[in-house]
Amino acid sequence: MAAQNCRKRKLDTILNLERDVEELQRDKSKLLREKVEFLKSIRQMKQKVQSLYQEVFGRLRDEQG
């Protein structure tokens, strides 16, 4: 009986660990997708900053002749 309980606890532990691994894999996938979106946003913001920089300093040059 004790051996049977031990095997059951071991199996329960394995099943719980497998569920944890699956959940962590889903979390990892979600985080990787978020990372891609954040990197895309950063790239777009950098382009916008560069464009604004060129526009502002272009106007300053035009005003100063």
N, C-alpha and C. Protein backbone atom coordinates (compact mmCIF):
# COMPACT_ATOMS: atom_id res chain seq x y z
N MET A 1 0.82 -1.20 0.00
CA MET A 1 0.00 0.00 0.00
C MET A 1 0.87 1.27 0.00
N ALA A 2 1.91 1.28 0.80
CA ALA A 2 2.79 2.45 0.87
C ALA A 2 3.47 2.68 -0.48
N ALA A 3 3.89 1.60 -1.11
CA ALA A 3 4.55 1.73 -2.41
C ALA A 3 3.57 2.28 -3.45
N GLN A 4 2.33 1.85 -3.37
CA GLN A 4 1.32 2.33 -4.31
C GLN A 4 1.08 3.84 -4.11
N ASN A 5 1.01 4.26 -2.85
CA ASN A 5 0.84 5.69 -2.56
C ASN A 5 2.04 6.50 -3.05
N CYS A 6 3.21 5.94 -2.88
CA CYS A 6 4.44 6.60 -3.34
C CYS A 6 4.41 6.78 -4.85
N ARG A 7 4.01 5.72 -5.56
CA ARG A 7 3.92 5.80 -7.02
C ARG A 7 2.88 6.83 -7.46
N LYS A 8 1.76 6.85 -6.74
CA LYS A 8 0.71 7.82 -7.07
C LYS A 8 1.20 9.25 -6.85
N ARG A 9 1.88 9.51 -5.74
CA ARG A 9 2.43 10.84 -5.48
C ARG A 9 3.44 11.22 -6.55
N LYS A 10 4.27 10.25 -6.92
CA LYS A 10 5.27 10.51 -7.95
C LYS A 10 4.60 10.86 -9.28
N LEU A 11 3.57 10.12 -9.64
CA LEU A 11 2.84 10.38 -10.88
C LEU A 11 2.16 11.74 -10.82
N ASP A 12 1.55 12.06 -9.68
CA ASP A 12 0.91 13.37 -9.52
C ASP A 12 1.93 14.50 -9.67
N THR A 13 3.09 14.31 -9.08
CA THR A 13 4.16 15.31 -9.19
C THR A 13 4.58 15.49 -10.64
N ILE A 14 4.75 14.40 -11.34
CA ILE A 14 5.15 14.45 -12.76
C ILE A 14 4.08 15.18 -13.58
N LEU A 15 2.82 14.85 -13.34
CA LEU A 15 1.73 15.50 -14.09
C LEU A 15 1.69 17.00 -13.80
N ASN A 16 1.87 17.36 -12.54
CA ASN A 16 1.89 18.79 -12.18
C ASN A 16 3.06 19.50 -12.85
N LEU A 17 4.21 18.86 -12.87
CA LEU A 17 5.38 19.46 -13.51
C LEU A 17 5.16 19.62 -15.01
N GLU A 18 4.53 18.63 -15.63
CA GLU A 18 4.24 18.72 -17.06
C GLU A 18 3.29 19.88 -17.35
N ARG A 19 2.29 20.06 -16.49
CA ARG A 19 1.37 21.20 -16.66
C ARG A 19 2.11 22.52 -16.49
N ASP A 20 3.00 22.56 -15.51
CA ASP A 20 3.79 23.77 -15.29
C ASP A 20 4.66 24.09 -16.51
N VAL A 21 5.26 23.07 -17.08
CA VAL A 21 6.11 23.26 -18.26
C VAL A 21 5.27 23.79 -19.42
N GLU A 22 4.10 23.22 -19.63
CA GLU A 22 3.23 23.69 -20.71
C GLU A 22 2.82 25.14 -20.51
N GLU A 23 2.50 25.49 -19.27
CA GLU A 23 2.12 26.86 -18.97
C GLU A 23 3.29 27.82 -19.21
N LEU A 24 4.47 27.41 -18.79
CA LEU A 24 5.65 28.24 -19.00
C LEU A 24 5.97 28.39 -20.49
N GLN A 25 5.75 27.34 -21.26
CA GLN A 25 5.98 27.43 -22.70
C GLN A 25 5.00 28.41 -23.35
N ARG A 26 3.74 28.39 -22.89
CA ARG A 26 2.76 29.36 -23.40
C ARG A 26 3.17 30.78 -23.02
N ASP A 27 3.59 30.94 -21.77
CA ASP A 27 4.05 32.26 -21.31
C ASP A 27 5.23 32.75 -22.14
N LYS A 28 6.16 31.85 -22.41
CA LYS A 28 7.34 32.22 -23.19
C LYS A 28 6.93 32.66 -24.60
N SER A 29 6.03 31.92 -25.21
CA SER A 29 5.57 32.28 -26.56
C SER A 29 4.91 33.65 -26.55
N LYS A 30 4.09 33.90 -25.54
CA LYS A 30 3.42 35.19 -25.43
C LYS A 30 4.44 36.31 -25.26
N LEU A 31 5.42 36.09 -24.41
CA LEU A 31 6.45 37.10 -24.17
C LEU A 31 7.28 37.36 -25.43
N LEU A 32 7.56 36.32 -26.18
CA LEU A 32 8.31 36.50 -27.42
C LEU A 32 7.52 37.32 -28.44
N ARG A 33 6.21 37.07 -28.51
CA ARG A 33 5.36 37.86 -29.41
C ARG A 33 5.34 39.33 -28.96
N GLU A 34 5.24 39.54 -27.65
CA GLU A 34 5.25 40.90 -27.13
C GLU A 34 6.58 41.59 -27.43
N LYS A 35 7.66 40.84 -27.30
CA LYS A 35 8.99 41.40 -27.58
C LYS A 35 9.07 41.87 -29.03
N VAL A 36 8.57 41.06 -29.94
CA VAL A 36 8.59 41.43 -31.36
C VAL A 36 7.80 42.72 -31.58
N GLU A 37 6.63 42.82 -30.93
CA GLU A 37 5.82 44.02 -31.08
C GLU A 37 6.51 45.24 -30.48
N PHE A 38 7.15 45.07 -29.33
CA PHE A 38 7.87 46.18 -28.71
C PHE A 38 9.04 46.64 -29.57
N LEU A 39 9.77 45.69 -30.13
CA LEU A 39 10.89 46.04 -31.00
C LEU A 39 10.41 46.79 -32.24
N LYS A 40 9.27 46.35 -32.76
CA LYS A 40 8.68 47.02 -33.92
C LYS A 40 8.28 48.45 -33.54
N SER A 41 7.68 48.62 -32.38
CA SER A 41 7.28 49.95 -31.92
C SER A 41 8.50 50.85 -31.71
N ILE A 42 9.54 50.29 -31.14
CA ILE A 42 10.76 51.06 -30.92
C ILE A 42 11.34 51.53 -32.24
N ARG A 43 11.38 50.63 -33.22
CA ARG A 43 11.91 50.98 -34.54
C ARG A 43 11.08 52.12 -35.16
N GLN A 44 9.76 52.02 -35.04
CA GLN A 44 8.90 53.07 -35.59
C GLN A 44 9.11 54.40 -34.87
N MET A 45 9.27 54.34 -33.55
CA MET A 45 9.50 55.57 -32.79
C MET A 45 10.83 56.21 -33.15
N LYS A 46 11.85 55.39 -33.34
CA LYS A 46 13.16 55.92 -33.74
C LYS A 46 13.07 56.60 -35.10
N GLN A 47 12.33 55.99 -36.02
CA GLN A 47 12.15 56.59 -37.34
C GLN A 47 11.41 57.93 -37.23
N LYS A 48 10.40 57.97 -36.37
CA LYS A 48 9.63 59.20 -36.17
C LYS A 48 10.51 60.29 -35.57
N VAL A 49 11.32 59.93 -34.57
CA VAL A 49 12.23 60.89 -33.96
C VAL A 49 13.21 61.42 -35.00
N GLN A 50 13.76 60.54 -35.80
CA GLN A 50 14.71 60.95 -36.85
C GLN A 50 14.03 61.90 -37.84
N SER A 51 12.82 61.59 -38.21
CA SER A 51 12.08 62.43 -39.14
C SER A 51 11.81 63.81 -38.54
N LEU A 52 11.39 63.83 -37.28
CA LEU A 52 11.13 65.10 -36.60
C LEU A 52 12.42 65.91 -36.44
N TYR A 53 13.49 65.22 -36.13
CA TYR A 53 14.80 65.87 -35.99
C TYR A 53 15.18 66.57 -37.29
N GLN A 54 15.05 65.84 -38.39
CA GLN A 54 15.39 66.42 -39.69
C GLN A 54 14.48 67.59 -40.04
N GLU A 55 13.20 67.45 -39.72
CA GLU A 55 12.26 68.53 -40.01
C GLU A 55 12.59 69.79 -39.20
N VAL A 56 12.82 69.62 -37.91
CA VAL A 56 13.11 70.77 -37.04
C VAL A 56 14.40 71.46 -37.46
N PHE A 57 15.46 70.70 -37.64
CA PHE A 57 16.73 71.32 -37.99
C PHE A 57 16.74 71.83 -39.43
N GLY A 58 15.94 71.23 -40.27
CA GLY A 58 15.78 71.75 -41.63
C GLY A 58 15.12 73.12 -41.60
N ARG A 59 14.11 73.28 -40.77
CA ARG A 59 13.44 74.58 -40.64
C ARG A 59 14.38 75.62 -40.04
N LEU A 60 15.16 75.21 -39.05
CA LEU A 60 16.11 76.14 -38.43
C LEU A 60 17.12 76.64 -39.46
N ARG A 61 17.61 75.74 -40.30
CA ARG A 61 18.57 76.13 -41.34
C ARG A 61 17.93 77.09 -42.32
N ASP A 62 16.67 76.80 -42.69
CA ASP A 62 15.96 77.67 -43.63
C ASP A 62 15.75 79.06 -43.05
N GLU A 63 15.43 79.12 -41.76
CA GLU A 63 15.19 80.41 -41.11
C GLU A 63 16.48 81.21 -40.97
N GLN A 64 17.58 80.52 -40.78
CA GLN A 64 18.85 81.21 -40.58
C GLN A 64 19.54 81.54 -41.90
N GLY A 65 19.03 80.98 -42.96
CA GLY A 65 19.54 81.28 -44.29
C GLY A 65 20.75 80.52 -44.57
